[in-house]
């Protein structure tokens, strides 16, 4: 599965064309499931949600804006994002779907075209994109925006899945639930050593701007879990009164706890001596072997303090994933790290200016992928980032030792 992500970043026109069609089919199938499950496609106005009809139109708009409407397409990551553009298939679409300029709260009251018209727009936009891709050479610069459009649509598809889970919609999609882990976590020893994090600018293929450029991090010795925590690891913290013990919580975590009055992880409730989990619109028995999921960074931090562990930095995570691929299991849930989202040395924003820079300093880095992530997005250098209080995102944790461990095979 992880190989698919590496392939996607180096894919040529033929592979990209198939992937764009597959991604669009997924988008439309999930939107149809929303239509079936959600009356009038209405969702509450919350910071973590978007109207599904707006989401659908935005996906097509983004693809068109950066490919067929982009006069500087062939310049790739060096293109000027402010270059004037011709009209797209729907005149005035910029005023509806440009997320950089359309305030989030206004998206519930925009005069959006209906579902049928929006589907027609997406079909025409995809046809034009594929026709242009067919005429494009295979250079990384020429393919940059096609790859960006693919990954953008894949990201929005994952968001549609965890938004459905958040809303309790009974979507019939196996990706809404992580599989039970095949074995309990075990420690992987890592020596103290310098590690080259990030991607080199001359590596070829696609890179997000926040992954550049490669730089050396001096990392301490220690051990890191071979996999993420299961519910059987996390729930003893709840049973031990962890949510009622201020000692385990950081000041921001304590503030979150006071504001939410949480007594257990979101989407869980007790059922006698057992636990139940809210999935697909109903309470179901919780499998304790499943990865702990939908945790905030505050809960992850508190569990670590209780257990005498800590979250890895994003660079410790990357080193283990890159250097220990056979033993380091990832991809079931996003994984909170101890790292604030910040630019790497020499950061240069790519044309999609709002992707990274606006969020530096206010988000926490997550690494890996989740069961809801398209395999095309799997990459050991990929940096996801969310506010630490988010628990709608399918995120969990793995941990590190507080004290150094003997050097071992975690290269």
Protein backbone atom coordinates (compact mmCIF):
# COMPACT_ATOMS: atom_id res chain seq x y z
CA UNK A 1 0.00 0.00 0.00
CA UNK A 2 2.78 2.45 0.90
CA UNK A 3 4.43 1.80 -2.47
CA UNK A 4 1.38 3.30 -4.16
CA UNK A 5 2.11 6.67 -2.57
CA UNK A 6 5.67 6.67 -3.84
CA UNK A 7 4.45 5.65 -7.30
CA UNK A 8 1.87 8.43 -7.33
CA UNK A 9 4.49 11.10 -6.74
CA UNK A 10 6.50 9.94 -9.74
CA UNK A 11 3.60 8.90 -11.97
CA UNK A 12 3.47 9.75 -15.64
CA UNK A 13 0.47 10.98 -17.65
CA UNK A 14 -1.11 7.55 -18.21
CA UNK A 15 -1.04 6.52 -14.56
CA UNK A 16 -2.23 9.97 -13.49
CA UNK A 17 -5.18 9.85 -15.90
CA UNK A 18 -6.36 6.56 -14.44
CA UNK A 19 -5.86 7.82 -10.88
CA UNK A 20 -7.78 11.05 -11.56
CA UNK A 21 -10.70 9.02 -12.90
CA UNK A 22 -10.57 6.63 -9.93
CA UNK A 23 -10.46 9.50 -7.47
CA UNK A 24 -13.42 11.18 -9.15
CA UNK A 25 -15.41 7.94 -9.07
CA UNK A 26 -14.77 7.73 -5.32
CA UNK A 27 -15.78 11.35 -4.86
CA UNK A 28 -19.06 10.88 -6.71
CA UNK A 29 -19.88 7.59 -5.00
CA UNK A 30 -19.39 9.11 -1.55
CA UNK A 31 -21.42 12.18 -2.50
CA UNK A 32 -24.24 9.90 -3.67
CA UNK A 33 -24.09 8.13 -0.30
CA UNK A 34 -24.44 11.52 1.37
CA UNK A 35 -27.49 12.27 -0.77
CA UNK A 36 -29.07 9.01 0.34
CA UNK A 37 -28.25 9.45 4.03
CA UNK A 38 -28.62 13.20 4.55
CA UNK A 39 -31.87 15.07 3.96
CA UNK A 40 -31.31 18.09 1.69
CA UNK A 41 -27.56 17.60 2.15
CA UNK A 42 -27.83 19.83 5.23
CA UNK A 43 -25.04 19.81 7.82
CA UNK A 44 -24.58 21.97 10.93
CA UNK A 45 -22.49 25.10 10.55
CA UNK A 46 -19.32 24.16 12.39
CA UNK A 47 -15.66 24.99 11.86
CA UNK A 48 -14.83 21.33 11.16
CA UNK A 49 -17.54 20.83 8.52
CA UNK A 50 -18.37 22.05 5.03
CA UNK A 51 -21.64 21.75 3.11
CA UNK A 52 -21.32 18.59 0.96
CA UNK A 53 -22.55 20.38 -2.16
CA UNK A 54 -19.92 23.09 -1.68
CA UNK A 55 -17.25 20.41 -1.18
CA UNK A 56 -18.22 18.73 -4.45
CA UNK A 57 -18.08 21.96 -6.43
CA UNK A 58 -14.83 23.02 -4.80
CA UNK A 59 -13.09 19.77 -5.82
CA UNK A 60 -13.91 20.31 -9.50
CA UNK A 61 -13.12 24.03 -9.29
CA UNK A 62 -9.69 23.36 -7.76
CA UNK A 63 -8.75 20.88 -10.45
CA UNK A 64 -9.80 23.26 -13.21
CA UNK A 65 -8.25 26.35 -11.58
CA UNK A 66 -4.78 24.80 -11.36
CA UNK A 67 -4.77 22.82 -14.63
CA UNK A 68 -6.91 23.90 -17.58
CA UNK A 69 -7.32 27.52 -16.43
CA UNK A 70 -3.66 27.92 -15.50
CA UNK A 71 -1.62 29.74 -18.20
CA UNK A 72 1.60 28.90 -16.31
CA UNK A 73 0.82 25.21 -15.93
CA UNK A 74 4.17 24.10 -17.34
CA UNK A 75 6.14 26.08 -14.76
CA UNK A 76 4.97 23.76 -12.00
CA UNK A 77 5.88 24.79 -8.46
CA UNK A 78 7.55 27.96 -9.79
CA UNK A 79 4.31 29.32 -11.31
CA UNK A 80 2.87 32.66 -10.21
CA UNK A 81 -0.47 31.87 -8.53
CA UNK A 82 -1.83 35.36 -9.24
CA UNK A 83 -1.62 35.13 -13.03
CA UNK A 84 -4.94 36.13 -14.66
CA UNK A 85 -7.01 33.16 -15.72
CA UNK A 86 -9.72 32.58 -18.31
CA UNK A 87 -13.24 31.63 -17.28
CA UNK A 88 -13.95 28.02 -16.47
CA UNK A 89 -16.94 25.88 -17.28
CA UNK A 90 -19.08 27.87 -14.83
CA UNK A 91 -18.73 31.67 -14.98
CA UNK A 92 -18.35 33.18 -11.55
CA UNK A 93 -17.20 29.94 -9.94
CA UNK A 94 -14.28 31.68 -8.22
CA UNK A 95 -16.74 33.59 -6.04
CA UNK A 96 -18.33 30.30 -4.96
CA UNK A 97 -15.51 27.81 -4.54
CA UNK A 98 -12.18 29.59 -3.99
CA UNK A 99 -11.44 28.55 -0.42
CA UNK A 100 -8.75 31.23 -0.15
CA UNK A 101 -11.30 33.99 -0.67
CA UNK A 102 -14.69 32.56 0.30
CA UNK A 103 -15.12 32.79 4.10
CA UNK A 104 -15.92 29.47 5.69
CA UNK A 105 -19.08 30.68 7.40
CA UNK A 106 -20.54 32.00 4.14
CA UNK A 107 -20.51 28.60 2.41
CA UNK A 108 -23.89 27.65 3.91
CA UNK A 109 -25.63 30.61 2.22
CA UNK A 110 -23.97 30.74 -1.21
CA UNK A 111 -26.16 30.44 -4.33
CA UNK A 112 -24.66 27.09 -5.32
CA UNK A 113 -25.86 25.19 -8.39
CA UNK A 114 -27.79 22.02 -7.64
CA UNK A 115 -26.32 18.55 -7.38
CA UNK A 116 -27.06 17.60 -10.98
CA UNK A 117 -25.53 20.79 -12.40
CA UNK A 118 -22.50 20.40 -10.14
CA UNK A 119 -21.98 16.83 -11.35
CA UNK A 120 -22.15 18.09 -14.93
CA UNK A 121 -19.53 20.73 -14.13
CA UNK A 122 -17.22 18.10 -12.64
CA UNK A 123 -17.62 15.85 -15.68
CA UNK A 124 -16.71 18.67 -18.06
CA UNK A 125 -13.81 19.78 -15.88
CA UNK A 126 -12.40 16.27 -15.68
CA UNK A 127 -12.75 15.73 -19.44
CA UNK A 128 -10.83 18.94 -20.11
CA UNK A 129 -8.18 18.05 -17.55
CA UNK A 130 -7.63 14.61 -19.08
CA UNK A 131 -7.43 16.04 -22.59
CA UNK A 132 -4.79 18.53 -21.45
CA UNK A 133 -2.89 15.84 -19.56
CA UNK A 134 -2.75 13.74 -22.70
CA UNK A 135 -0.95 16.59 -24.50
CA UNK A 136 1.45 17.26 -21.62
CA UNK A 137 5.04 16.04 -21.53
CA UNK A 138 6.18 13.84 -18.68
CA UNK A 139 8.39 16.33 -16.86
CA UNK A 140 7.87 16.91 -13.17
CA UNK A 141 7.15 20.60 -13.74
CA UNK A 142 4.50 19.89 -16.38
CA UNK A 143 2.83 17.25 -14.20
CA UNK A 144 3.04 19.15 -10.92
CA UNK A 145 -0.49 20.59 -10.96
CA UNK A 146 -2.09 17.35 -12.17
CA UNK A 147 -0.50 15.55 -9.23
CA UNK A 148 -1.57 18.35 -6.90
CA UNK A 149 -5.17 18.14 -8.13
CA UNK A 150 -5.17 14.37 -7.58
CA UNK A 151 -3.86 14.60 -4.03
CA UNK A 152 -6.23 17.46 -3.24
CA UNK A 153 -9.23 15.40 -4.31
CA UNK A 154 -7.97 12.42 -2.33
CA UNK A 155 -7.63 14.60 0.78
CA UNK A 156 -11.17 15.87 0.39
CA UNK A 157 -12.43 12.32 0.01
CA UNK A 158 -10.87 11.36 3.32
CA UNK A 159 -12.44 14.46 4.87
CA UNK A 160 -15.82 13.37 3.48
CA UNK A 161 -15.43 10.00 5.19
CA UNK A 162 -14.54 11.35 8.60
CA UNK A 163 -17.21 14.04 8.28
CA UNK A 164 -19.73 11.23 7.68
CA UNK A 165 -18.47 9.51 10.80
CA UNK A 166 -18.70 12.76 12.74
CA UNK A 167 -22.31 13.20 11.63
CA UNK A 168 -23.23 9.58 12.38
CA UNK A 169 -24.21 8.81 8.79
CA UNK A 170 -24.68 5.13 7.97
CA UNK A 171 -22.34 5.07 5.00
CA UNK A 172 -21.54 1.56 3.81
CA UNK A 173 -17.78 2.01 3.43
CA UNK A 174 -15.28 -0.37 4.99
CA UNK A 175 -12.75 2.46 5.22
CA UNK A 176 -14.70 4.06 8.05
CA UNK A 177 -13.29 1.61 10.59
CA UNK A 178 -9.66 0.62 11.20
CA UNK A 179 -8.89 -3.08 11.29
CA UNK A 180 -7.75 -4.79 14.47
CA UNK A 181 -3.99 -4.76 14.86
CA UNK A 182 -2.38 -8.16 14.28
CA UNK A 183 -0.07 -7.92 17.29
CA UNK A 184 0.56 -5.77 20.34
CA UNK A 185 3.14 -3.03 20.12
CA UNK A 186 6.74 -3.74 20.99
CA UNK A 187 9.70 -1.39 21.37
CA UNK A 188 12.04 -0.72 18.47
CA UNK A 189 15.41 0.54 19.65
CA UNK A 190 16.88 3.55 17.86
CA UNK A 191 20.46 4.81 18.34
CA UNK A 192 21.42 8.42 18.78
CA UNK A 193 22.38 9.61 15.31
CA UNK A 194 21.95 12.42 12.80
CA UNK A 195 19.02 11.89 10.44
CA UNK A 196 18.23 13.59 7.15
CA UNK A 197 14.57 14.58 7.34
CA UNK A 198 12.43 15.90 4.52
CA UNK A 199 12.89 15.67 0.77
CA UNK A 200 15.77 16.94 -1.33
CA UNK A 201 14.86 19.55 -3.90
CA UNK A 202 16.59 17.57 -6.63
CA UNK A 203 14.97 14.24 -5.73
CA UNK A 204 12.46 14.37 -8.61
CA UNK A 205 8.77 13.63 -8.52
CA UNK A 206 6.18 15.59 -6.53
CA UNK A 207 6.68 17.18 -3.13
CA UNK A 208 4.47 19.37 -0.98
CA UNK A 209 6.15 22.63 -0.08
CA UNK A 210 6.29 21.84 3.65
CA UNK A 211 8.32 18.66 2.96
CA UNK A 212 11.18 20.70 1.53
CA UNK A 213 14.01 20.85 1.96
CA UNK A 214 16.03 17.98 3.34
CA UNK A 215 17.95 18.90 6.47
CA UNK A 216 19.78 17.07 9.24
CA UNK A 217 18.24 16.51 12.68
CA UNK A 218 20.31 15.16 15.57
CA UNK A 219 18.07 12.56 17.22
CA UNK A 220 18.54 10.99 20.66
CA UNK A 221 18.66 7.31 21.41
CA UNK A 222 15.49 5.69 22.63
CA UNK A 223 12.79 3.25 21.68
CA UNK A 224 9.62 3.78 19.67
CA UNK A 225 6.53 1.59 19.50
CA UNK A 226 6.29 -0.76 16.54
CA UNK A 227 2.63 0.18 16.05
CA UNK A 228 0.01 2.54 17.38
CA UNK A 229 -1.82 2.02 20.65
CA UNK A 230 -4.91 -0.18 20.76
CA UNK A 231 -8.02 0.53 22.76
CA UNK A 232 -6.80 -2.11 25.20
CA UNK A 233 -3.84 0.20 25.87
CA UNK A 234 -5.83 3.42 26.18
CA UNK A 235 -8.92 2.43 28.16
CA UNK A 236 -7.04 1.55 31.38
CA UNK A 237 -6.16 5.27 31.53
CA UNK A 238 -9.88 6.04 31.51
CA UNK A 239 -10.62 3.38 34.12
CA UNK A 240 -7.83 4.78 36.30
CA UNK A 241 -9.58 8.15 36.44
CA UNK A 242 -7.29 9.77 33.91
CA UNK A 243 -9.94 12.22 32.73
CA UNK A 244 -10.50 13.32 36.34
CA UNK A 245 -6.83 13.72 37.27
CA UNK A 246 -5.39 17.15 36.39
CA UNK A 247 -1.83 15.94 36.99
CA UNK A 248 -1.75 14.13 33.64
CA UNK A 249 -2.88 17.07 31.54
CA UNK A 250 -0.85 19.93 30.07
CA UNK A 251 -2.25 23.45 30.59
CA UNK A 252 -3.82 23.50 27.09
CA UNK A 253 -5.08 19.96 27.67
CA UNK A 254 -6.60 20.91 31.00
CA UNK A 255 -8.32 23.88 29.35
CA UNK A 256 -9.72 21.58 26.65
CA UNK A 257 -10.90 19.11 29.29
CA UNK A 258 -12.63 21.86 31.28
CA UNK A 259 -14.29 23.28 28.18
CA UNK A 260 -15.57 19.95 26.85
CA UNK A 261 -16.19 18.10 30.14
CA UNK A 262 -14.96 14.96 28.43
CA UNK A 263 -14.90 11.81 30.57
CA UNK A 264 -13.74 9.38 27.88
CA UNK A 265 -12.60 9.44 24.24
CA UNK A 266 -15.14 10.77 21.79
CA UNK A 267 -17.52 8.27 20.17
CA UNK A 268 -17.13 5.82 23.11
CA UNK A 269 -19.48 4.96 25.97
CA UNK A 270 -19.57 2.34 28.68
CA UNK A 271 -21.85 -0.67 28.35
CA UNK A 272 -21.67 -2.34 31.74
CA UNK A 273 -18.16 -3.73 32.03
CA UNK A 274 -17.58 -3.28 28.29
CA UNK A 275 -17.35 -0.38 25.90
CA UNK A 276 -19.32 0.59 22.83
CA UNK A 277 -18.31 2.73 19.87
CA UNK A 278 -20.49 5.04 17.76
CA UNK A 279 -20.05 4.08 14.10
CA UNK A 280 -22.29 4.38 11.07
CA UNK A 281 -25.06 5.97 13.10
CA UNK A 282 -25.38 3.34 15.85
CA UNK A 283 -23.64 2.04 18.96
CA UNK A 284 -21.59 -1.09 18.33
CA UNK A 285 -19.39 -3.27 20.55
CA UNK A 286 -15.83 -1.97 20.72
CA UNK A 287 -13.05 -4.30 19.62
CA UNK A 288 -10.20 -3.65 22.09
CA UNK A 289 -7.66 -4.79 19.47
CA UNK A 290 -8.56 -1.92 17.14
CA UNK A 291 -6.29 1.13 17.07
CA UNK A 292 -7.38 3.87 19.45
CA UNK A 293 -8.85 6.52 17.19
CA UNK A 294 -10.46 9.99 17.21
CA UNK A 295 -8.23 11.17 20.03
CA UNK A 296 -7.08 14.75 20.47
CA UNK A 297 -3.41 15.59 20.86
CA UNK A 298 -4.28 16.58 24.44
CA UNK A 299 -5.54 13.06 25.17
CA UNK A 300 -2.45 11.57 23.54
CA UNK A 301 -0.19 13.76 25.68
CA UNK A 302 -2.10 12.89 28.86
CA UNK A 303 -1.93 9.14 28.19
CA UNK A 304 1.82 9.42 27.71
CA UNK A 305 2.30 11.21 31.03
CA UNK A 306 0.20 8.59 32.79
CA UNK A 307 2.17 5.74 31.17
CA UNK A 308 5.62 7.29 31.60
CA UNK A 309 6.08 7.65 27.86
CA UNK A 310 6.07 10.53 25.40
CA UNK A 311 5.00 11.26 21.86
CA UNK A 312 7.75 11.03 19.25
CA UNK A 313 8.79 14.09 17.36
CA UNK A 314 7.90 13.99 13.70
CA UNK A 315 11.55 13.34 12.89
CA UNK A 316 11.77 10.37 15.23
CA UNK A 317 8.65 9.00 13.55
CA UNK A 318 10.11 9.57 10.07
CA UNK A 319 13.42 7.94 10.97
CA UNK A 320 11.70 4.82 12.27
CA UNK A 321 9.31 4.57 9.31
CA UNK A 322 12.06 5.06 6.73
CA UNK A 323 14.71 2.96 8.43
CA UNK A 324 12.63 0.09 9.77
CA UNK A 325 9.96 -0.56 7.11
CA UNK A 326 9.35 -4.21 7.94
CA UNK A 327 8.71 -3.73 11.66
CA UNK A 328 7.22 -0.24 11.81
CA UNK A 329 3.49 -0.69 11.14
CA UNK A 330 1.62 2.45 10.07
CA UNK A 331 -1.41 3.49 8.03
CA UNK A 332 -4.40 2.59 10.23
CA UNK A 333 -4.76 5.96 12.01
CA UNK A 334 -3.05 9.31 11.75
CA UNK A 335 -0.50 9.66 14.53
CA UNK A 336 -0.06 12.73 16.71
CA UNK A 337 3.53 13.79 17.21
CA UNK A 338 5.14 16.18 19.67
CA UNK A 339 6.08 18.57 16.85
CA UNK A 340 4.46 21.90 16.12
CA UNK A 341 3.82 22.44 12.43
CA UNK A 342 6.67 24.69 11.30
CA UNK A 343 8.57 25.39 8.08
CA UNK A 344 11.73 23.48 7.31
CA UNK A 345 14.91 25.53 6.78
CA UNK A 346 14.78 27.24 3.41
CA UNK A 347 11.00 26.90 3.09
CA UNK A 348 9.57 28.38 -0.12
CA UNK A 349 5.78 28.38 -0.55
CA UNK A 350 4.39 26.65 -3.63
CA UNK A 351 1.67 28.30 -5.76
CA UNK A 352 -1.16 26.96 -3.59
CA UNK A 353 -0.19 29.51 -0.94
CA UNK A 354 -2.83 28.52 1.61
CA UNK A 355 -1.72 24.91 1.88
CA UNK A 356 1.01 25.30 4.51
CA UNK A 357 2.15 28.77 5.48
CA UNK A 358 -1.07 30.04 7.12
CA UNK A 359 -1.00 27.12 9.57
CA UNK A 360 2.57 27.29 10.78
CA UNK A 361 2.67 27.69 14.54
CA UNK A 362 -1.00 26.89 15.18
CA UNK A 363 -1.19 23.22 14.24
CA UNK A 364 0.35 19.97 15.47
CA UNK A 365 2.03 17.59 13.03
CA UNK A 366 0.54 14.14 12.46
CA UNK A 367 2.37 11.46 10.55
CA UNK A 368 1.38 8.28 8.72
CA UNK A 369 -2.09 7.79 7.25
CA UNK A 370 -5.46 6.40 8.30
CA UNK A 371 -7.82 3.70 7.11
CA UNK A 372 -9.73 6.52 5.37
CA UNK A 373 -6.66 7.80 3.48
CA UNK A 374 -6.30 6.94 -0.17
CA UNK A 375 -3.19 4.75 -0.64
CA UNK A 376 -1.93 7.32 -3.17
CA UNK A 377 -1.27 9.70 -0.26
CA UNK A 378 0.83 7.26 1.78
CA UNK A 379 4.38 8.57 2.08
CA UNK A 380 6.86 8.52 4.97
CA UNK A 381 7.74 12.19 4.40
CA UNK A 382 4.14 13.41 4.30
CA UNK A 383 3.25 15.92 7.03
CA UNK A 384 -0.38 16.22 8.03
CA UNK A 385 -1.36 18.95 10.48
CA UNK A 386 -4.39 19.76 12.60
CA UNK A 387 -5.31 21.82 15.63
CA UNK A 388 -4.57 19.72 18.75
CA UNK A 389 -8.21 19.73 19.88
CA UNK A 390 -9.49 17.99 16.75
CA UNK A 391 -11.05 14.58 17.43
CA UNK A 392 -13.16 14.20 14.31
CA UNK A 393 -9.98 13.23 12.47
CA UNK A 394 -9.11 9.50 12.67
CA UNK A 395 -6.00 10.05 14.80
CA UNK A 396 -4.28 8.00 17.48
CA UNK A 397 -0.76 7.70 18.82
CA UNK A 398 2.39 5.67 19.23
CA UNK A 399 4.92 6.47 21.92
CA UNK A 400 8.62 6.76 22.71
CA UNK A 401 10.68 6.07 25.81
CA UNK A 402 11.52 8.94 28.11
CA UNK A 403 15.07 7.67 28.70
CA UNK A 404 17.65 6.55 26.14
CA UNK A 405 17.71 2.93 25.08
CA UNK A 406 20.56 0.81 23.83
CA UNK A 407 21.39 1.33 20.15
CA UNK A 408 19.53 -1.06 17.91
CA UNK A 409 18.40 -1.68 14.36
CA UNK A 410 16.20 1.40 13.85
CA UNK A 411 18.55 2.93 11.27
